[in-house]
Amino acid sequence: MKSVRQWFAEYDESHQNETNKAFHWLGIPVIMFSLLGLLSYVAFPGLHWTPLLNLAALFVLIALIFYVRLSVPLAVGMALVSGLMMAGIMALRNLSPMPVWQICVGLFVLGWISQFAGHKIEGKKPSFLKDLQFLLIGPLWLLAAAYRRVGIGY
């Protein structure tokens, strides 16, 4: 299994352009939020829907297992980020006059447009076209950059 630094080194190869990086700082959190929002609508068969028993929670759990194998400090940060996003989704469900799934579909599309626009500027294909695991590395890459800015090791 690759180390977190190996994943980041490979991810960095197609993320050198500052404009592309800026698009990723916008697009990746928007995609993550909207994906969790959409997945939160899928309850497990035979169970009533609850905030903790749905496909979004299972997805987060599986992602966190992947992250723990790479870096415990980053996994803790991703658990916090994921929890805050799930809380935001629940708040939005309670406050929004329109269905949250509709908001999430729009955000999901906008997030991906920003990703592909960034890669068009960069002139390199997105990493996930090479390996789908990079879809999980992208959010971790952003979190690692935030950690470095504030002096947290990983």
N, C-alpha and C. Protein backbone atom coordinates (compact mmCIF):
# COMPACT_ATOMS: atom_id res chain seq x y z
N MET A 1 0.84 -1.19 0.00
CA MET A 1 0.00 0.00 0.00
C MET A 1 0.88 1.25 0.00
N LYS A 2 0.47 2.23 -0.79
CA LYS A 2 1.23 3.48 -0.86
C LYS A 2 1.11 4.24 0.46
N SER A 3 2.15 4.97 0.78
CA SER A 3 2.10 5.85 1.95
C SER A 3 1.35 7.12 1.57
N VAL A 4 0.95 7.89 2.57
CA VAL A 4 0.26 9.14 2.31
C VAL A 4 1.14 10.09 1.49
N ARG A 5 2.42 10.09 1.77
CA ARG A 5 3.33 10.97 1.03
C ARG A 5 3.47 10.53 -0.44
N GLN A 6 3.44 9.23 -0.68
CA GLN A 6 3.47 8.74 -2.06
C GLN A 6 2.19 9.14 -2.81
N TRP A 7 1.05 9.01 -2.15
CA TRP A 7 -0.21 9.44 -2.76
C TRP A 7 -0.14 10.92 -3.11
N PHE A 8 0.32 11.73 -2.15
CA PHE A 8 0.37 13.18 -2.38
C PHE A 8 1.36 13.55 -3.47
N ALA A 9 2.49 12.87 -3.53
CA ALA A 9 3.49 13.15 -4.57
C ALA A 9 2.89 12.88 -5.95
N GLU A 10 2.17 11.78 -6.06
CA GLU A 10 1.54 11.45 -7.34
C GLU A 10 0.41 12.43 -7.67
N TYR A 11 -0.35 12.82 -6.66
CA TYR A 11 -1.44 13.77 -6.86
C TYR A 11 -0.89 15.14 -7.27
N ASP A 12 0.23 15.52 -6.67
CA ASP A 12 0.87 16.81 -6.97
C ASP A 12 1.27 16.94 -8.44
N GLU A 13 1.57 15.82 -9.08
CA GLU A 13 2.01 15.86 -10.48
C GLU A 13 1.01 16.56 -11.39
N SER A 14 -0.27 16.42 -11.12
CA SER A 14 -1.28 17.06 -11.97
C SER A 14 -1.97 18.23 -11.27
N HIS A 15 -1.30 18.76 -10.24
CA HIS A 15 -1.84 19.89 -9.49
C HIS A 15 -0.73 20.89 -9.17
N GLN A 16 -0.09 21.40 -10.20
CA GLN A 16 1.01 22.35 -10.03
C GLN A 16 0.56 23.80 -10.24
N ASN A 17 -0.43 23.99 -11.11
CA ASN A 17 -0.89 25.32 -11.46
C ASN A 17 -1.70 25.92 -10.31
N GLU A 18 -1.38 27.17 -9.94
CA GLU A 18 -2.06 27.81 -8.81
C GLU A 18 -3.56 28.00 -9.06
N THR A 19 -3.94 28.27 -10.30
CA THR A 19 -5.36 28.42 -10.60
C THR A 19 -6.08 27.08 -10.44
N ASN A 20 -5.47 26.02 -10.90
CA ASN A 20 -6.04 24.69 -10.72
C ASN A 20 -6.19 24.38 -9.23
N LYS A 21 -5.17 24.70 -8.46
CA LYS A 21 -5.25 24.46 -7.01
C LYS A 21 -6.41 25.25 -6.40
N ALA A 22 -6.58 26.51 -6.83
CA ALA A 22 -7.67 27.34 -6.31
C ALA A 22 -9.03 26.72 -6.65
N PHE A 23 -9.15 26.22 -7.90
CA PHE A 23 -10.40 25.55 -8.28
C PHE A 23 -10.64 24.32 -7.40
N HIS A 24 -9.58 23.62 -7.02
CA HIS A 24 -9.72 22.44 -6.16
C HIS A 24 -10.13 22.83 -4.74
N TRP A 25 -9.62 23.95 -4.25
CA TRP A 25 -10.02 24.40 -2.92
C TRP A 25 -11.50 24.73 -2.88
N LEU A 26 -12.05 25.13 -4.00
CA LEU A 26 -13.49 25.38 -4.09
C LEU A 26 -14.25 24.07 -4.38
N GLY A 27 -13.83 23.37 -5.41
CA GLY A 27 -14.60 22.23 -5.92
C GLY A 27 -14.62 21.02 -5.02
N ILE A 28 -13.50 20.66 -4.44
CA ILE A 28 -13.46 19.42 -3.65
C ILE A 28 -14.38 19.49 -2.44
N PRO A 29 -14.34 20.54 -1.62
CA PRO A 29 -15.30 20.58 -0.50
C PRO A 29 -16.76 20.61 -0.95
N VAL A 30 -17.03 21.31 -2.06
CA VAL A 30 -18.40 21.37 -2.57
C VAL A 30 -18.85 19.99 -3.03
N ILE A 31 -17.98 19.27 -3.72
CA ILE A 31 -18.32 17.91 -4.17
C ILE A 31 -18.53 17.00 -2.96
N MET A 32 -17.64 17.09 -1.99
CA MET A 32 -17.74 16.23 -0.81
C MET A 32 -19.06 16.51 -0.07
N PHE A 33 -19.37 17.78 0.15
CA PHE A 33 -20.61 18.14 0.85
C PHE A 33 -21.82 17.64 0.07
N SER A 34 -21.84 17.90 -1.22
CA SER A 34 -23.01 17.52 -2.01
C SER A 34 -23.14 16.00 -2.12
N LEU A 35 -22.03 15.29 -2.24
CA LEU A 35 -22.09 13.83 -2.30
C LEU A 35 -22.64 13.26 -0.99
N LEU A 36 -22.15 13.76 0.13
CA LEU A 36 -22.67 13.30 1.42
C LEU A 36 -24.15 13.65 1.55
N GLY A 37 -24.52 14.82 1.07
CA GLY A 37 -25.93 15.20 1.11
C GLY A 37 -26.80 14.26 0.31
N LEU A 38 -26.34 13.90 -0.89
CA LEU A 38 -27.11 12.98 -1.72
C LEU A 38 -27.15 11.58 -1.10
N LEU A 39 -26.00 11.11 -0.63
CA LEU A 39 -25.95 9.77 -0.03
C LEU A 39 -26.77 9.69 1.26
N SER A 40 -26.95 10.83 1.93
CA SER A 40 -27.70 10.82 3.19
C SER A 40 -29.18 10.50 2.97
N TYR A 41 -29.63 10.58 1.74
CA TYR A 41 -31.03 10.26 1.43
C TYR A 41 -31.26 8.75 1.32
N VAL A 42 -30.19 7.98 1.25
CA VAL A 42 -30.33 6.54 1.06
C VAL A 42 -30.24 5.84 2.42
N ALA A 43 -31.40 5.38 2.89
CA ALA A 43 -31.46 4.65 4.16
C ALA A 43 -31.19 3.17 3.89
N PHE A 44 -30.79 2.46 4.93
CA PHE A 44 -30.57 1.02 4.79
C PHE A 44 -31.91 0.29 4.79
N PRO A 45 -32.04 -0.74 3.98
CA PRO A 45 -33.31 -1.48 3.92
C PRO A 45 -33.72 -2.00 5.30
N GLY A 46 -34.98 -1.82 5.61
CA GLY A 46 -35.51 -2.33 6.88
C GLY A 46 -35.31 -1.40 8.06
N LEU A 47 -34.58 -0.31 7.85
CA LEU A 47 -34.35 0.64 8.94
C LEU A 47 -34.99 1.98 8.58
N HIS A 48 -35.46 2.65 9.59
CA HIS A 48 -35.96 4.00 9.36
C HIS A 48 -34.77 4.93 9.17
N TRP A 49 -34.96 5.96 8.34
CA TRP A 49 -33.87 6.90 8.09
C TRP A 49 -33.53 7.65 9.37
N THR A 50 -32.24 7.71 9.67
CA THR A 50 -31.73 8.56 10.75
C THR A 50 -30.44 9.19 10.25
N PRO A 51 -29.99 10.26 10.89
CA PRO A 51 -28.75 10.90 10.44
C PRO A 51 -27.53 9.99 10.48
N LEU A 52 -27.55 8.97 11.34
CA LEU A 52 -26.37 8.12 11.49
C LEU A 52 -26.50 6.77 10.79
N LEU A 53 -27.67 6.46 10.26
CA LEU A 53 -27.87 5.18 9.59
C LEU A 53 -28.32 5.40 8.15
N ASN A 54 -27.36 5.78 7.33
CA ASN A 54 -27.65 5.98 5.92
C ASN A 54 -26.37 5.76 5.14
N LEU A 55 -26.47 5.83 3.83
CA LEU A 55 -25.32 5.53 2.98
C LEU A 55 -24.19 6.54 3.16
N ALA A 56 -24.51 7.78 3.48
CA ALA A 56 -23.46 8.79 3.71
C ALA A 56 -22.60 8.39 4.90
N ALA A 57 -23.23 7.94 5.97
CA ALA A 57 -22.47 7.54 7.17
C ALA A 57 -21.58 6.33 6.86
N LEU A 58 -22.09 5.39 6.08
CA LEU A 58 -21.29 4.23 5.70
C LEU A 58 -20.11 4.65 4.83
N PHE A 59 -20.36 5.54 3.89
CA PHE A 59 -19.29 6.05 3.02
C PHE A 59 -18.20 6.72 3.85
N VAL A 60 -18.60 7.56 4.81
CA VAL A 60 -17.62 8.24 5.67
C VAL A 60 -16.83 7.21 6.46
N LEU A 61 -17.49 6.21 7.00
CA LEU A 61 -16.80 5.17 7.77
C LEU A 61 -15.76 4.45 6.93
N ILE A 62 -16.12 4.07 5.71
CA ILE A 62 -15.18 3.38 4.83
C ILE A 62 -14.01 4.30 4.46
N ALA A 63 -14.30 5.56 4.17
CA ALA A 63 -13.23 6.52 3.86
C ALA A 63 -12.30 6.69 5.05
N LEU A 64 -12.86 6.77 6.25
CA LEU A 64 -12.02 6.95 7.44
C LEU A 64 -11.12 5.74 7.69
N ILE A 65 -11.60 4.55 7.40
CA ILE A 65 -10.75 3.36 7.52
C ILE A 65 -9.57 3.48 6.56
N PHE A 66 -9.84 3.90 5.33
CA PHE A 66 -8.77 4.14 4.35
C PHE A 66 -7.80 5.21 4.86
N TYR A 67 -8.33 6.29 5.41
CA TYR A 67 -7.48 7.38 5.89
C TYR A 67 -6.63 6.98 7.10
N VAL A 68 -7.20 6.20 8.02
CA VAL A 68 -6.45 5.76 9.20
C VAL A 68 -5.22 4.97 8.79
N ARG A 69 -5.35 4.18 7.74
CA ARG A 69 -4.22 3.38 7.25
C ARG A 69 -3.11 4.28 6.69
N LEU A 70 -3.47 5.50 6.27
CA LEU A 70 -2.49 6.42 5.71
C LEU A 70 -1.92 7.37 6.76
N SER A 71 -2.77 7.90 7.63
CA SER A 71 -2.32 8.88 8.61
C SER A 71 -3.41 9.08 9.65
N VAL A 72 -3.12 8.73 10.89
CA VAL A 72 -4.11 8.92 11.96
C VAL A 72 -4.45 10.40 12.15
N PRO A 73 -3.45 11.31 12.20
CA PRO A 73 -3.82 12.73 12.37
C PRO A 73 -4.72 13.26 11.24
N LEU A 74 -4.46 12.85 10.01
CA LEU A 74 -5.31 13.30 8.91
C LEU A 74 -6.69 12.64 8.99
N ALA A 75 -6.74 11.39 9.42
CA ALA A 75 -8.03 10.70 9.57
C ALA A 75 -8.88 11.41 10.63
N VAL A 76 -8.25 11.84 11.71
CA VAL A 76 -8.99 12.57 12.75
C VAL A 76 -9.55 13.87 12.16
N GLY A 77 -8.73 14.57 11.39
CA GLY A 77 -9.19 15.80 10.76
C GLY A 77 -10.33 15.55 9.78
N MET A 78 -10.23 14.46 9.01
CA MET A 78 -11.29 14.15 8.06
C MET A 78 -12.57 13.73 8.80
N ALA A 79 -12.43 13.08 9.94
CA ALA A 79 -13.61 12.74 10.74
C ALA A 79 -14.31 14.02 11.19
N LEU A 80 -13.52 15.00 11.61
CA LEU A 80 -14.09 16.28 12.04
C LEU A 80 -14.76 16.99 10.86
N VAL A 81 -14.07 17.07 9.73
CA VAL A 81 -14.63 17.72 8.54
C VAL A 81 -15.91 17.01 8.10
N SER A 82 -15.87 15.70 8.06
CA SER A 82 -17.05 14.93 7.64
C SER A 82 -18.22 15.15 8.60
N GLY A 83 -17.92 15.14 9.89
CA GLY A 83 -18.96 15.38 10.89
C GLY A 83 -19.58 16.76 10.76
N LEU A 84 -18.74 17.76 10.52
CA LEU A 84 -19.26 19.12 10.32
C LEU A 84 -20.11 19.20 9.06
N MET A 85 -19.67 18.53 8.01
CA MET A 85 -20.47 18.53 6.78
C MET A 85 -21.81 17.83 7.00
N MET A 86 -21.81 16.70 7.69
CA MET A 86 -23.05 15.99 7.96
C MET A 86 -23.99 16.85 8.83
N ALA A 87 -23.42 17.56 9.80
CA ALA A 87 -24.23 18.46 10.62
C ALA A 87 -24.80 19.59 9.76
N GLY A 88 -23.99 20.10 8.84
CA GLY A 88 -24.46 21.14 7.93
C GLY A 88 -25.60 20.64 7.05
N ILE A 89 -25.48 19.42 6.59
CA ILE A 89 -26.53 18.83 5.76
C ILE A 89 -27.82 18.69 6.57
N MET A 90 -27.71 18.24 7.81
CA MET A 90 -28.89 18.10 8.66
C MET A 90 -29.53 19.47 8.93
N ALA A 91 -28.70 20.47 9.18
CA ALA A 91 -29.23 21.81 9.40
C ALA A 91 -29.94 22.33 8.14
N LEU A 92 -29.32 22.08 7.00
CA LEU A 92 -29.91 22.51 5.74
C LEU A 92 -31.25 21.81 5.49
N ARG A 93 -31.33 20.54 5.85
CA ARG A 93 -32.59 19.80 5.70
C ARG A 93 -33.70 20.44 6.54
N ASN A 94 -33.31 20.95 7.71
CA ASN A 94 -34.30 21.55 8.60
C ASN A 94 -34.66 22.98 8.22
N LEU A 95 -33.78 23.67 7.53
CA LEU A 95 -33.98 25.10 7.25
C LEU A 95 -34.35 25.42 5.81
N SER A 96 -33.99 24.58 4.89
CA SER A 96 -34.17 24.90 3.47
C SER A 96 -35.63 24.77 3.03
N PRO A 97 -36.10 25.76 2.29
CA PRO A 97 -37.47 25.65 1.77
C PRO A 97 -37.56 24.69 0.57
N MET A 98 -36.41 24.33 0.01
CA MET A 98 -36.43 23.38 -1.11
C MET A 98 -35.73 22.09 -0.68
N PRO A 99 -36.02 20.99 -1.36
CA PRO A 99 -35.38 19.73 -0.99
C PRO A 99 -33.85 19.82 -1.10
N VAL A 100 -33.19 19.33 -0.08
CA VAL A 100 -31.72 19.41 -0.04
C VAL A 100 -31.09 18.61 -1.17
N TRP A 101 -31.72 17.54 -1.60
CA TRP A 101 -31.14 16.76 -2.69
C TRP A 101 -31.03 17.61 -3.95
N GLN A 102 -31.97 18.52 -4.17
CA GLN A 102 -31.90 19.41 -5.34
C GLN A 102 -30.72 20.37 -5.22
N ILE A 103 -30.52 20.90 -4.04
CA ILE A 103 -29.37 21.78 -3.80
C ILE A 103 -28.08 21.01 -4.03
N CYS A 104 -28.04 19.78 -3.53
CA CYS A 104 -26.83 18.96 -3.64
C CYS A 104 -26.52 18.59 -5.09
N VAL A 105 -27.54 18.33 -5.88
CA VAL A 105 -27.30 18.03 -7.30
C VAL A 105 -26.65 19.23 -7.97
N GLY A 106 -27.19 20.42 -7.72
CA GLY A 106 -26.61 21.63 -8.30
C GLY A 106 -25.19 21.87 -7.84
N LEU A 107 -24.94 21.70 -6.55
CA LEU A 107 -23.58 21.87 -6.02
C LEU A 107 -22.62 20.84 -6.60
N PHE A 108 -23.09 19.62 -6.73
CA PHE A 108 -22.26 18.54 -7.28
C PHE A 108 -21.81 18.89 -8.70
N VAL A 109 -22.73 19.35 -9.51
CA VAL A 109 -22.40 19.73 -10.88
C VAL A 109 -21.42 20.91 -10.89
N LEU A 110 -21.68 21.92 -10.08
CA LEU A 110 -20.78 23.09 -10.03
C LEU A 110 -19.39 22.69 -9.54
N GLY A 111 -19.34 21.80 -8.55
CA GLY A 111 -18.05 21.33 -8.04
C GLY A 111 -17.23 20.65 -9.12
N TRP A 112 -17.88 19.78 -9.89
CA TRP A 112 -17.16 19.07 -10.94
C TRP A 112 -16.77 20.00 -12.09
N ILE A 113 -17.60 20.98 -12.38
CA ILE A 113 -17.23 21.96 -13.41
C ILE A 113 -15.94 22.67 -12.98
N SER A 114 -15.85 23.04 -11.71
CA SER A 114 -14.64 23.72 -11.23
C SER A 114 -13.42 22.81 -11.34
N GLN A 115 -13.60 21.52 -11.06
CA GLN A 115 -12.48 20.58 -11.15
C GLN A 115 -11.97 20.46 -12.58
N PHE A 116 -12.89 20.27 -13.50
CA PHE A 116 -12.49 20.09 -14.90
C PHE A 116 -11.97 21.40 -15.50
N ALA A 117 -12.50 22.54 -15.06
CA ALA A 117 -11.97 23.82 -15.53
C ALA A 117 -10.53 23.99 -15.05
N GLY A 118 -10.27 23.63 -13.79
CA GLY A 118 -8.91 23.71 -13.26
C GLY A 118 -7.95 22.83 -14.03
N HIS A 119 -8.38 21.63 -14.34
CA HIS A 119 -7.50 20.71 -15.08
C HIS A 119 -7.33 21.13 -16.53
N LYS A 120 -8.31 21.80 -17.09
CA LYS A 120 -8.17 22.35 -18.44
C LYS A 120 -7.07 23.42 -18.44
N ILE A 121 -7.09 24.27 -17.41
CA ILE A 121 -6.06 25.30 -17.26
C ILE A 121 -4.69 24.66 -17.02
N GLU A 122 -4.66 23.64 -16.17
CA GLU A 122 -3.42 22.94 -15.85
C GLU A 122 -2.87 22.22 -17.08
N GLY A 123 -3.77 21.71 -17.91
CA GLY A 123 -3.34 20.96 -19.08
C GLY A 123 -3.01 19.51 -18.78
N LYS A 124 -3.51 19.02 -17.64
CA LYS A 124 -3.29 17.62 -17.25
C LYS A 124 -4.61 17.00 -16.83
N LYS A 125 -4.73 15.70 -17.07
CA LYS A 125 -5.94 14.99 -16.72
C LYS A 125 -6.06 14.86 -15.20
N PRO A 126 -7.30 14.80 -14.69
CA PRO A 126 -7.49 14.56 -13.26
C PRO A 126 -6.89 13.21 -12.85
N SER A 127 -6.34 13.15 -11.66
CA SER A 127 -5.69 11.94 -11.16
C SER A 127 -6.63 10.76 -11.06
N PHE A 128 -7.89 11.01 -10.75
CA PHE A 128 -8.82 9.90 -10.56
C PHE A 128 -9.08 9.12 -11.84
N LEU A 129 -8.74 9.72 -12.99
CA LEU A 129 -8.88 8.96 -14.24
C LEU A 129 -7.86 7.83 -14.32
N LYS A 130 -6.79 7.96 -13.55
CA LYS A 130 -5.75 6.94 -13.47
C LYS A 130 -6.06 5.90 -12.38
N ASP A 131 -6.60 6.38 -11.26
CA ASP A 131 -6.90 5.52 -10.11
C ASP A 131 -8.03 6.17 -9.33
N LEU A 132 -9.15 5.47 -9.20
CA LEU A 132 -10.32 6.03 -8.52
C LEU A 132 -10.06 6.38 -7.05
N GLN A 133 -9.03 5.77 -6.46
CA GLN A 133 -8.72 6.09 -5.06
C GLN A 133 -8.34 7.56 -4.89
N PHE A 134 -7.93 8.20 -5.98
CA PHE A 134 -7.60 9.62 -5.89
C PHE A 134 -8.83 10.47 -5.54
N LEU A 135 -10.03 9.93 -5.75
CA LEU A 135 -11.22 10.66 -5.32
C LEU A 135 -11.25 10.80 -3.80
N LEU A 136 -10.63 9.86 -3.09
CA LEU A 136 -10.50 9.98 -1.64
C LEU A 136 -9.25 10.77 -1.24
N ILE A 137 -8.25 10.79 -2.10
CA ILE A 137 -7.00 11.50 -1.80
C ILE A 137 -7.19 13.01 -1.90
N GLY A 138 -8.01 13.47 -2.84
CA GLY A 138 -8.20 14.91 -3.03
C GLY A 138 -8.55 15.65 -1.75
N PRO A 139 -9.60 15.24 -1.02
CA PRO A 139 -9.92 15.93 0.23
C PRO A 139 -8.79 15.85 1.25
N LEU A 140 -8.11 14.71 1.30
CA LEU A 140 -7.00 14.54 2.25
C LEU A 140 -5.84 15.46 1.89
N TRP A 141 -5.61 15.64 0.60
CA TRP A 141 -4.54 16.52 0.10
C TRP A 141 -4.80 17.96 0.54
N LEU A 142 -6.06 18.39 0.46
CA LEU A 142 -6.41 19.74 0.92
C LEU A 142 -6.21 19.86 2.43
N LEU A 143 -6.65 18.86 3.16
CA LEU A 143 -6.50 18.89 4.61
C LEU A 143 -5.03 18.91 5.01
N ALA A 144 -4.21 18.14 4.31
CA ALA A 144 -2.76 18.13 4.60
C ALA A 144 -2.16 19.51 4.36
N ALA A 145 -2.60 20.19 3.31
CA ALA A 145 -2.12 21.55 3.04
C ALA A 145 -2.53 22.49 4.18
N ALA A 146 -3.75 22.33 4.67
CA ALA A 146 -4.20 23.15 5.80
C ALA A 146 -3.38 22.83 7.05
N TYR A 147 -3.10 21.56 7.28
CA TYR A 147 -2.25 21.17 8.42
C TYR A 147 -0.88 21.83 8.33
N ARG A 148 -0.29 21.79 7.14
CA ARG A 148 1.04 22.39 6.98
C ARG A 148 1.02 23.89 7.27
N ARG A 149 -0.04 24.56 6.86
CA ARG A 149 -0.16 26.01 7.08
C ARG A 149 -0.18 26.37 8.56
N VAL A 150 -0.76 25.50 9.37
CA VAL A 150 -0.86 25.79 10.80
C VAL A 150 0.15 25.00 11.64
N GLY A 151 1.03 24.27 10.97
CA GLY A 151 2.11 23.58 11.67
C GLY A 151 1.73 22.26 12.32
N ILE A 152 0.69 21.62 11.83
CA ILE A 152 0.30 20.30 12.36
C ILE A 152 0.95 19.22 11.50
N GLY A 153 1.63 18.32 12.14
CA GLY A 153 2.29 17.22 11.42
C GLY A 153 1.32 16.10 11.12
N TYR A 154 1.65 15.33 10.11
CA TYR A 154 0.81 14.18 9.77
C TYR A 154 1.66 13.02 9.34
